[in-house]
PDB file of all heavy atoms in Angstrom:
ATOM      1  N   ALA A   1     -41.148  -8.825  17.714  1.00  0.00           N
ATOM      2  CA  ALA A   1     -40.690  -8.786  16.321  1.00  0.00           C
ATOM      3  C   ALA A   1     -40.301  -7.367  15.916  1.00  0.00           C
ATOM      4  O   ALA A   1     -39.286  -7.155  15.244  1.00  0.00           O
ATOM      5  CB  ALA A   1     -41.775  -9.328  15.395  1.00  0.00           C
ATOM      6  N   LYS A   2     -41.084  -6.384  16.358  1.00  0.00           N
ATOM      7  CA  LYS A   2     -40.759  -4.980  16.054  1.00  0.00           C
ATOM      8  C   LYS A   2     -39.443  -4.580  16.711  1.00  0.00           C
ATOM      9  O   LYS A   2     -38.623  -3.886  16.110  1.00  0.00           O
ATOM     10  CB  LYS A   2     -41.877  -4.050  16.525  1.00  0.00           C
ATOM     11  CG  LYS A   2     -43.121  -4.087  15.673  1.00  0.00           C
ATOM     12  CD  LYS A   2     -44.183  -3.139  16.209  1.00  0.00           C
ATOM     13  CE  LYS A   2     -45.467  -3.220  15.421  1.00  0.00           C
ATOM     14  NZ  LYS A   2     -46.506  -2.329  15.967  1.00  0.00           N
ATOM     15  N   LEU A   3     -39.253  -5.008  17.957  1.00  0.00           N
ATOM     16  CA  LEU A   3     -38.008  -4.694  18.660  1.00  0.00           C
ATOM     17  C   LEU A   3     -36.807  -5.345  17.971  1.00  0.00           C
ATOM     18  O   LEU A   3     -35.746  -4.725  17.846  1.00  0.00           O
ATOM     19  CB  LEU A   3     -38.091  -5.138  20.120  1.00  0.00           C
ATOM     20  CG  LEU A   3     -39.009  -4.308  21.014  1.00  0.00           C
ATOM     21  CD1 LEU A   3     -39.128  -4.949  22.389  1.00  0.00           C
ATOM     22  CD2 LEU A   3     -38.506  -2.885  21.137  1.00  0.00           C
ATOM     23  N   ASP A   4     -36.980  -6.582  17.523  1.00  0.00           N
ATOM     24  CA  ASP A   4     -35.901  -7.263  16.807  1.00  0.00           C
ATOM     25  C   ASP A   4     -35.559  -6.518  15.523  1.00  0.00           C
ATOM     26  O   ASP A   4     -34.386  -6.336  15.188  1.00  0.00           O
ATOM     27  CB  ASP A   4     -36.285  -8.708  16.487  1.00  0.00           C
ATOM     28  CG  ASP A   4     -36.283  -9.608  17.713  1.00  0.00           C
ATOM     29  OD1 ASP A   4     -35.707  -9.215  18.747  1.00  0.00           O
ATOM     30  OD2 ASP A   4     -36.865 -10.711  17.629  1.00  0.00           O
ATOM     31  N   GLN A   5     -36.584  -6.081  14.793  1.00  0.00           N
ATOM     32  CA  GLN A   5     -36.375  -5.338  13.554  1.00  0.00           C
ATOM     33  C   GLN A   5     -35.655  -4.024  13.843  1.00  0.00           C
ATOM     34  O   GLN A   5     -34.729  -3.643  13.118  1.00  0.00           O
ATOM     35  CB  GLN A   5     -37.714  -5.071  12.853  1.00  0.00           C
ATOM     36  CG  GLN A   5     -37.584  -4.327  11.538  1.00  0.00           C
ATOM     37  CD  GLN A   5     -36.802  -5.097  10.491  1.00  0.00           C
ATOM     38  OE1 GLN A   5     -36.758  -6.320  10.500  1.00  0.00           O
ATOM     39  NE2 GLN A   5     -36.159  -4.387   9.597  1.00  0.00           N
ATOM     40  N   ALA A   6     -36.055  -3.324  14.885  1.00  0.00           N
ATOM     41  CA  ALA A   6     -35.408  -2.054  15.248  1.00  0.00           C
ATOM     42  C   ALA A   6     -33.947  -2.293  15.623  1.00  0.00           C
ATOM     43  O   ALA A   6     -33.073  -1.507  15.249  1.00  0.00           O
ATOM     44  CB  ALA A   6     -36.163  -1.383  16.391  1.00  0.00           C
ATOM     45  N   ALA A   7     -33.680  -3.361  16.343  1.00  0.00           N
ATOM     46  CA  ALA A   7     -32.302  -3.681  16.731  1.00  0.00           C
ATOM     47  C   ALA A   7     -31.447  -3.963  15.499  1.00  0.00           C
ATOM     48  O   ALA A   7     -30.284  -3.530  15.428  1.00  0.00           O
ATOM     49  CB  ALA A   7     -32.285  -4.879  17.679  1.00  0.00           C
ATOM     50  N   LYS A   8     -32.023  -4.655  14.523  1.00  0.00           N
ATOM     51  CA  LYS A   8     -31.291  -4.924  13.278  1.00  0.00           C
ATOM     52  C   LYS A   8     -31.009  -3.632  12.523  1.00  0.00           C
ATOM     53  O   LYS A   8     -29.923  -3.454  11.969  1.00  0.00           O
ATOM     54  CB  LYS A   8     -32.078  -5.897  12.399  1.00  0.00           C
ATOM     55  CG  LYS A   8     -32.102  -7.307  12.940  1.00  0.00           C
ATOM     56  CD  LYS A   8     -32.968  -8.213  12.093  1.00  0.00           C
ATOM     57  CE  LYS A   8     -33.071  -9.597  12.711  1.00  0.00           C
ATOM     58  NZ  LYS A   8     -33.972 -10.483  11.972  1.00  0.00           N
ATOM     59  N   GLN A   9     -31.979  -2.725  12.509  1.00  0.00           N
ATOM     60  CA  GLN A   9     -31.784  -1.448  11.828  1.00  0.00           C
ATOM     61  C   GLN A   9     -30.693  -0.629  12.519  1.00  0.00           C
ATOM     62  O   GLN A   9     -29.871   0.005  11.853  1.00  0.00           O
ATOM     63  CB  GLN A   9     -33.089  -0.660  11.778  1.00  0.00           C
ATOM     64  CG  GLN A   9     -34.120  -1.255  10.825  1.00  0.00           C
ATOM     65  CD  GLN A   9     -35.471  -0.556  10.908  1.00  0.00           C
ATOM     66  OE1 GLN A   9     -35.747   0.165  11.858  1.00  0.00           O
ATOM     67  NE2 GLN A   9     -36.308  -0.790   9.917  1.00  0.00           N
ATOM     68  N   VAL A  10     -30.696  -0.640  13.838  1.00  0.00           N
ATOM     69  CA  VAL A  10     -29.672   0.098  14.581  1.00  0.00           C
ATOM     70  C   VAL A  10     -28.296  -0.505  14.298  1.00  0.00           C
ATOM     71  O   VAL A  10     -27.324   0.229  14.065  1.00  0.00           O
ATOM     72  CB  VAL A  10     -29.980   0.083  16.100  1.00  0.00           C
ATOM     73  CG1 VAL A  10     -28.786   0.552  16.908  1.00  0.00           C
ATOM     74  CG2 VAL A  10     -31.198   0.945  16.394  1.00  0.00           C
ATOM     75  N   ALA A  11     -28.207  -1.819  14.295  1.00  0.00           N
ATOM     76  CA  ALA A  11     -26.925  -2.481  14.020  1.00  0.00           C
ATOM     77  C   ALA A  11     -26.434  -2.133  12.619  1.00  0.00           C
ATOM     78  O   ALA A  11     -25.238  -1.882  12.418  1.00  0.00           O
ATOM     79  CB  ALA A  11     -27.069  -3.991  14.189  1.00  0.00           C
ATOM     80  N   ALA A  12     -27.351  -2.114  11.655  1.00  0.00           N
ATOM     81  CA  ALA A  12     -26.974  -1.755  10.285  1.00  0.00           C
ATOM     82  C   ALA A  12     -26.496  -0.308  10.221  1.00  0.00           C
ATOM     83  O   ALA A  12     -25.505  -0.001   9.543  1.00  0.00           O
ATOM     84  CB  ALA A  12     -28.153  -1.974   9.338  1.00  0.00           C
ATOM     85  N   GLN A  13     -27.173   0.590  10.927  1.00  0.00           N
ATOM     86  CA  GLN A  13     -26.771   2.000  10.927  1.00  0.00           C
ATOM     87  C   GLN A  13     -25.411   2.174  11.600  1.00  0.00           C
ATOM     88  O   GLN A  13     -24.591   2.969  11.150  1.00  0.00           O
ATOM     89  CB  GLN A  13     -27.824   2.860  11.625  1.00  0.00           C
ATOM     90  CG  GLN A  13     -27.552   4.351  11.515  1.00  0.00           C
ATOM     91  CD  GLN A  13     -27.534   4.833  10.075  1.00  0.00           C
ATOM     92  OE1 GLN A  13     -28.428   4.542   9.304  1.00  0.00           O
ATOM     93  NE2 GLN A  13     -26.501   5.565   9.710  1.00  0.00           N
ATOM     94  N   VAL A  14     -25.158   1.425  12.653  1.00  0.00           N
ATOM     95  CA  VAL A  14     -23.855   1.483  13.324  1.00  0.00           C
ATOM     96  C   VAL A  14     -22.754   1.039  12.363  1.00  0.00           C
ATOM     97  O   VAL A  14     -21.692   1.668  12.288  1.00  0.00           O
ATOM     98  CB  VAL A  14     -23.859   0.621  14.611  1.00  0.00           C
ATOM     99  CG1 VAL A  14     -22.452   0.399  15.134  1.00  0.00           C
ATOM    100  CG2 VAL A  14     -24.726   1.270  15.675  1.00  0.00           C
ATOM    101  N   ALA A  15     -23.023  -0.010  11.590  1.00  0.00           N
ATOM    102  CA  ALA A  15     -22.029  -0.486  10.626  1.00  0.00           C
ATOM    103  C   ALA A  15     -21.760   0.578   9.568  1.00  0.00           C
ATOM    104  O   ALA A  15     -20.600   0.824   9.205  1.00  0.00           O
ATOM    105  CB  ALA A  15     -22.519  -1.783   9.970  1.00  0.00           C
ATOM    106  N   VAL A  16     -22.809   1.238   9.086  1.00  0.00           N
ATOM    107  CA  VAL A  16     -22.638   2.311   8.098  1.00  0.00           C
ATOM    108  C   VAL A  16     -21.841   3.458   8.705  1.00  0.00           C
ATOM    109  O   VAL A  16     -20.914   3.990   8.071  1.00  0.00           O
ATOM    110  CB  VAL A  16     -24.013   2.804   7.579  1.00  0.00           C
ATOM    111  CG1 VAL A  16     -23.886   4.097   6.799  1.00  0.00           C
ATOM    112  CG2 VAL A  16     -24.665   1.721   6.723  1.00  0.00           C
ATOM    113  N   ASN A  17     -22.186   3.836   9.919  1.00  0.00           N
ATOM    114  CA  ASN A  17     -21.460   4.920  10.592  1.00  0.00           C
ATOM    115  C   ASN A  17     -19.979   4.572  10.764  1.00  0.00           C
ATOM    116  O   ASN A  17     -19.113   5.428  10.584  1.00  0.00           O
ATOM    117  CB  ASN A  17     -22.084   5.233  11.953  1.00  0.00           C
ATOM    118  CG  ASN A  17     -23.445   5.883  11.839  1.00  0.00           C
ATOM    119  OD1 ASN A  17     -23.883   6.262  10.755  1.00  0.00           O
ATOM    120  ND2 ASN A  17     -24.132   6.000  12.953  1.00  0.00           N
ATOM    121  N   ASP A  18     -19.704   3.318  11.134  1.00  0.00           N
ATOM    122  CA  ASP A  18     -18.315   2.886  11.290  1.00  0.00           C
ATOM    123  C   ASP A  18     -17.559   2.979   9.970  1.00  0.00           C
ATOM    124  O   ASP A  18     -16.405   3.427   9.930  1.00  0.00           O
ATOM    125  CB  ASP A  18     -18.250   1.464  11.845  1.00  0.00           C
ATOM    126  CG  ASP A  18     -18.664   1.369  13.310  1.00  0.00           C
ATOM    127  OD1 ASP A  18     -18.736   2.429  13.985  1.00  0.00           O
ATOM    128  OD2 ASP A  18     -18.895   0.232  13.783  1.00  0.00           O
ATOM    129  N   GLU A  19     -18.213   2.553   8.885  1.00  0.00           N
ATOM    130  CA  GLU A  19     -17.588   2.634   7.566  1.00  0.00           C
ATOM    131  C   GLU A  19     -17.322   4.086   7.173  1.00  0.00           C
ATOM    132  O   GLU A  19     -16.254   4.411   6.638  1.00  0.00           O
ATOM    133  CB  GLU A  19     -18.467   1.964   6.510  1.00  0.00           C
ATOM    134  CG  GLU A  19     -18.514   0.459   6.611  1.00  0.00           C
ATOM    135  CD  GLU A  19     -19.455  -0.169   5.585  1.00  0.00           C
ATOM    136  OE1 GLU A  19     -19.790   0.491   4.588  1.00  0.00           O
ATOM    137  OE2 GLU A  19     -19.838  -1.328   5.798  1.00  0.00           O
ATOM    138  N   GLN A  20     -18.290   4.947   7.444  1.00  0.00           N
ATOM    139  CA  GLN A  20     -18.109   6.364   7.124  1.00  0.00           C
ATOM    140  C   GLN A  20     -16.979   6.970   7.950  1.00  0.00           C
ATOM    141  O   GLN A  20     -16.170   7.743   7.428  1.00  0.00           O
ATOM    142  CB  GLN A  20     -19.409   7.138   7.356  1.00  0.00           C
ATOM    143  CG  GLN A  20     -20.482   6.849   6.339  1.00  0.00           C
ATOM    144  CD  GLN A  20     -21.799   7.543   6.664  1.00  0.00           C
ATOM    145  OE1 GLN A  20     -22.020   7.979   7.786  1.00  0.00           O
ATOM    146  NE2 GLN A  20     -22.673   7.639   5.676  1.00  0.00           N
ATOM    147  N   GLN A  21     -16.913   6.637   9.225  1.00  0.00           N
ATOM    148  CA  GLN A  21     -15.851   7.171  10.070  1.00  0.00           C
ATOM    149  C   GLN A  21     -14.490   6.688   9.589  1.00  0.00           C
ATOM    150  O   GLN A  21     -13.516   7.449   9.582  1.00  0.00           O
ATOM    151  CB  GLN A  21     -16.073   6.779  11.537  1.00  0.00           C
ATOM    152  CG  GLN A  21     -15.098   7.439  12.490  1.00  0.00           C
ATOM    153  CD  GLN A  21     -15.194   8.960  12.455  1.00  0.00           C
ATOM    154  OE1 GLN A  21     -16.267   9.521  12.557  1.00  0.00           O
ATOM    155  NE2 GLN A  21     -14.060   9.627  12.282  1.00  0.00           N
ATOM    156  N   LEU A  22     -14.401   5.431   9.176  1.00  0.00           N
ATOM    157  CA  LEU A  22     -13.143   4.898   8.651  1.00  0.00           C
ATOM    158  C   LEU A  22     -12.744   5.640   7.375  1.00  0.00           C
ATOM    159  O   LEU A  22     -11.566   5.995   7.204  1.00  0.00           O
ATOM    160  CB  LEU A  22     -13.278   3.398   8.389  1.00  0.00           C
ATOM    161  CG  LEU A  22     -12.034   2.690   7.875  1.00  0.00           C
ATOM    162  CD1 LEU A  22     -10.886   2.820   8.872  1.00  0.00           C
ATOM    163  CD2 LEU A  22     -12.326   1.228   7.577  1.00  0.00           C
ATOM    164  N   ALA A  23     -13.712   5.899   6.491  1.00  0.00           N
ATOM    165  CA  ALA A  23     -13.418   6.644   5.265  1.00  0.00           C
ATOM    166  C   ALA A  23     -12.950   8.058   5.583  1.00  0.00           C
ATOM    167  O   ALA A  23     -12.005   8.571   4.954  1.00  0.00           O
ATOM    168  CB  ALA A  23     -14.650   6.674   4.367  1.00  0.00           C
ATOM    169  N   ILE A  24     -13.573   8.700   6.555  1.00  0.00           N
ATOM    170  CA  ILE A  24     -13.157  10.050   6.970  1.00  0.00           C
ATOM    171  C   ILE A  24     -11.744  10.015   7.540  1.00  0.00           C
ATOM    172  O   ILE A  24     -10.900  10.865   7.209  1.00  0.00           O
ATOM    173  CB  ILE A  24     -14.156  10.634   7.995  1.00  0.00           C
ATOM    174  CG1 ILE A  24     -15.483  10.953   7.313  1.00  0.00           C
ATOM    175  CG2 ILE A  24     -13.585  11.862   8.681  1.00  0.00           C
ATOM    176  CD1 ILE A  24     -16.614  11.264   8.276  1.00  0.00           C
ATOM    177  N   ASP A  25     -11.466   9.024   8.386  1.00  0.00           N
ATOM    178  CA  ASP A  25     -10.129   8.897   8.971  1.00  0.00           C
ATOM    179  C   ASP A  25      -9.073   8.672   7.890  1.00  0.00           C
ATOM    180  O   ASP A  25      -7.997   9.286   7.915  1.00  0.00           O
ATOM    181  CB  ASP A  25     -10.089   7.753   9.986  1.00  0.00           C
ATOM    182  CG  ASP A  25     -10.902   8.040  11.240  1.00  0.00           C
ATOM    183  OD1 ASP A  25     -11.270   9.216  11.465  1.00  0.00           O
ATOM    184  OD2 ASP A  25     -11.184   7.082  12.001  1.00  0.00           O
ATOM    185  N   ASN A  26      -9.380   7.806   6.926  1.00  0.00           N
ATOM    186  CA  ASN A  26      -8.439   7.535   5.837  1.00  0.00           C
ATOM    187  C   ASN A  26      -8.212   8.784   4.991  1.00  0.00           C
ATOM    188  O   ASN A  26      -7.073   9.088   4.615  1.00  0.00           O
ATOM    189  CB  ASN A  26      -8.931   6.384   4.962  1.00  0.00           C
ATOM    190  CG  ASN A  26      -8.813   5.047   5.659  1.00  0.00           C
ATOM    191  OD1 ASN A  26      -8.034   4.885   6.597  1.00  0.00           O
ATOM    192  ND2 ASN A  26      -9.579   4.071   5.196  1.00  0.00           N
ATOM    193  N   ALA A  27      -9.277   9.506   4.679  1.00  0.00           N
ATOM    194  CA  ALA A  27      -9.142  10.729   3.890  1.00  0.00           C
ATOM    195  C   ALA A  27      -8.326  11.773   4.648  1.00  0.00           C
ATOM    196  O   ALA A  27      -7.491  12.473   4.052  1.00  0.00           O
ATOM    197  CB  ALA A  27     -10.521  11.283   3.530  1.00  0.00           C
ATOM    198  N   SER A  28      -8.546  11.873   5.930  1.00  0.00           N
ATOM    199  CA  SER A  28      -7.791  12.810   6.757  1.00  0.00           C
ATOM    200  C   SER A  28      -6.306  12.442   6.778  1.00  0.00           C
ATOM    201  O   SER A  28      -5.428  13.314   6.651  1.00  0.00           O
ATOM    202  CB  SER A  28      -8.357  12.811   8.174  1.00  0.00           C
ATOM    203  OG  SER A  28      -7.618  13.662   9.001  1.00  0.00           O
ATOM    204  N   ASP A  29      -6.033  11.156   6.924  1.00  0.00           N
ATOM    205  CA  ASP A  29      -4.640  10.698   6.899  1.00  0.00           C
ATOM    206  C   ASP A  29      -3.994  10.995   5.551  1.00  0.00           C
ATOM    207  O   ASP A  29      -2.845  11.461   5.478  1.00  0.00           O
ATOM    208  CB  ASP A  29      -4.560   9.193   7.194  1.00  0.00           C
ATOM    209  CG  ASP A  29      -4.903   8.855   8.633  1.00  0.00           C
ATOM    210  OD1 ASP A  29      -4.946   9.774   9.475  1.00  0.00           O
ATOM    211  OD2 ASP A  29      -5.146   7.652   8.910  1.00  0.00           O
ATOM    212  N   ASN A  30      -4.714  10.727   4.470  1.00  0.00           N
ATOM    213  CA  ASN A  30      -4.186  10.999   3.127  1.00  0.00           C
ATOM    214  C   ASN A  30      -3.920  12.487   2.938  1.00  0.00           C
ATOM    215  O   ASN A  30      -2.900  12.873   2.358  1.00  0.00           O
ATOM    216  CB  ASN A  30      -5.146  10.485   2.049  1.00  0.00           C
ATOM    217  CG  ASN A  30      -5.175   8.977   1.979  1.00  0.00           C
ATOM    218  OD1 ASN A  30      -4.250   8.305   2.435  1.00  0.00           O
ATOM    219  ND2 ASN A  30      -6.252   8.440   1.423  1.00  0.00           N
ATOM    220  N   LEU A  31      -4.819  13.316   3.400  1.00  0.00           N
ATOM    221  CA  LEU A  31      -4.643  14.762   3.290  1.00  0.00           C
ATOM    222  C   LEU A  31      -3.410  15.215   4.077  1.00  0.00           C
ATOM    223  O   LEU A  31      -2.607  16.023   3.588  1.00  0.00           O
ATOM    224  CB  LEU A  31      -5.891  15.490   3.780  1.00  0.00           C
ATOM    225  CG  LEU A  31      -5.867  17.009   3.701  1.00  0.00           C
ATOM    226  CD1 LEU A  31      -5.675  17.477   2.268  1.00  0.00           C
ATOM    227  CD2 LEU A  31      -7.144  17.584   4.285  1.00  0.00           C
ATOM    228  N   ALA A  32      -3.266  14.676   5.271  1.00  0.00           N
ATOM    229  CA  ALA A  32      -2.102  15.038   6.092  1.00  0.00           C
ATOM    230  C   ALA A  32      -0.811  14.611   5.410  1.00  0.00           C
ATOM    231  O   ALA A  32       0.179  15.365   5.398  1.00  0.00           O
ATOM    232  CB  ALA A  32      -2.215  14.402   7.474  1.00  0.00           C
ATOM    233  N   ARG A  33      -0.798  13.429   4.812  1.00  0.00           N
ATOM    234  CA  ARG A  33       0.400  12.975   4.091  1.00  0.00           C
ATOM    235  C   ARG A  33       0.677  13.861   2.881  1.00  0.00           C
ATOM    236  O   ARG A  33       1.829  14.211   2.593  1.00  0.00           O
ATOM    237  CB  ARG A  33       0.232  11.515   3.650  1.00  0.00           C
ATOM    238  CG  ARG A  33       0.524  10.523   4.748  1.00  0.00           C
ATOM    239  CD  ARG A  33       0.669   9.110   4.201  1.00  0.00           C
ATOM    240  NE  ARG A  33      -0.586   8.574   3.694  1.00  0.00           N
ATOM    241  CZ  ARG A  33      -1.485   7.941   4.428  1.00  0.00           C
ATOM    242  NH1 ARG A  33      -1.264   7.752   5.710  1.00  0.00           N
ATOM    243  NH2 ARG A  33      -2.588   7.491   3.897  1.00  0.00           N
ATOM    244  N   THR A  34      -0.381  14.250   2.175  1.00  0.00           N
ATOM    245  CA  THR A  34      -0.219  15.108   0.998  1.00  0.00           C
ATOM    246  C   THR A  34       0.345  16.460   1.405  1.00  0.00           C
ATOM    247  O   THR A  34       1.277  16.974   0.776  1.00  0.00           O
ATOM    248  CB  THR A  34      -1.567  15.288   0.268  1.00  0.00           C
ATOM    249  OG1 THR A  34      -2.042  14.006  -0.121  1.00  0.00           O
ATOM    250  CG2 THR A  34      -1.421  16.162  -0.949  1.00  0.00           C
ATOM    251  N   VAL A  35      -0.187  17.048   2.444  1.00  0.00           N
ATOM    252  CA  VAL A  35       0.308  18.339   2.926  1.00  0.00           C
ATOM    253  C   VAL A  35       1.755  18.196   3.379  1.00  0.00           C
ATOM    254  O   VAL A  35       2.608  19.043   3.067  1.00  0.00           O
ATOM    255  CB  VAL A  35      -0.578  18.885   4.060  1.00  0.00           C
ATOM    256  CG1 VAL A  35       0.080  20.063   4.761  1.00  0.00           C
ATOM    257  CG2 VAL A  35      -1.945  19.265   3.525  1.00  0.00           C
ATOM    258  N   GLY A  36       2.077  17.126   4.054  1.00  0.00           N
ATOM    259  CA  GLY A  36       3.456  16.881   4.495  1.00  0.00           C
ATOM    260  C   GLY A  36       4.391  16.725   3.315  1.00  0.00           C
ATOM    261  O   GLY A  36       5.514  17.235   3.328  1.00  0.00           O
ATOM    262  N   SER A  37       3.962  16.015   2.267  1.00  0.00           N
ATOM    263  CA  SER A  37       4.807  15.848   1.089  1.00  0.00           C
ATOM    264  C   SER A  37       5.027  17.172   0.384  1.00  0.00           C
ATOM    265  O   SER A  37       6.116  17.439  -0.111  1.00  0.00           O
ATOM    266  CB  SER A  37       4.241  14.918   0.048  1.00  0.00           C
ATOM    267  OG  SER A  37       3.504  13.936   0.446  1.00  0.00           O
ATOM    268  N   LEU A  38       3.979  17.987   0.305  1.00  0.00           N
ATOM    269  CA  LEU A  38       4.125  19.283  -0.354  1.00  0.00           C
ATOM    270  C   LEU A  38       5.108  20.161   0.420  1.00  0.00           C
ATOM    271  O   LEU A  38       5.942  20.833  -0.169  1.00  0.00           O
ATOM    272  CB  LEU A  38       2.779  19.992  -0.468  1.00  0.00           C
ATOM    273  CG  LEU A  38       1.794  19.414  -1.484  1.00  0.00           C
ATOM    274  CD1 LEU A  38       0.458  20.122  -1.382  1.00  0.00           C
ATOM    275  CD2 LEU A  38       2.359  19.519  -2.889  1.00  0.00           C
TER     276      LEU A  38
END
């Protein structure tokens, strides 16, 4: 049961990390477009 709980926590953290990485990638793309437009 403890191992199952730890696996769920790791999966949740991976999902959060993926969301954060996507937000960083999107912000980076937006910044690059803004600099290009300027």
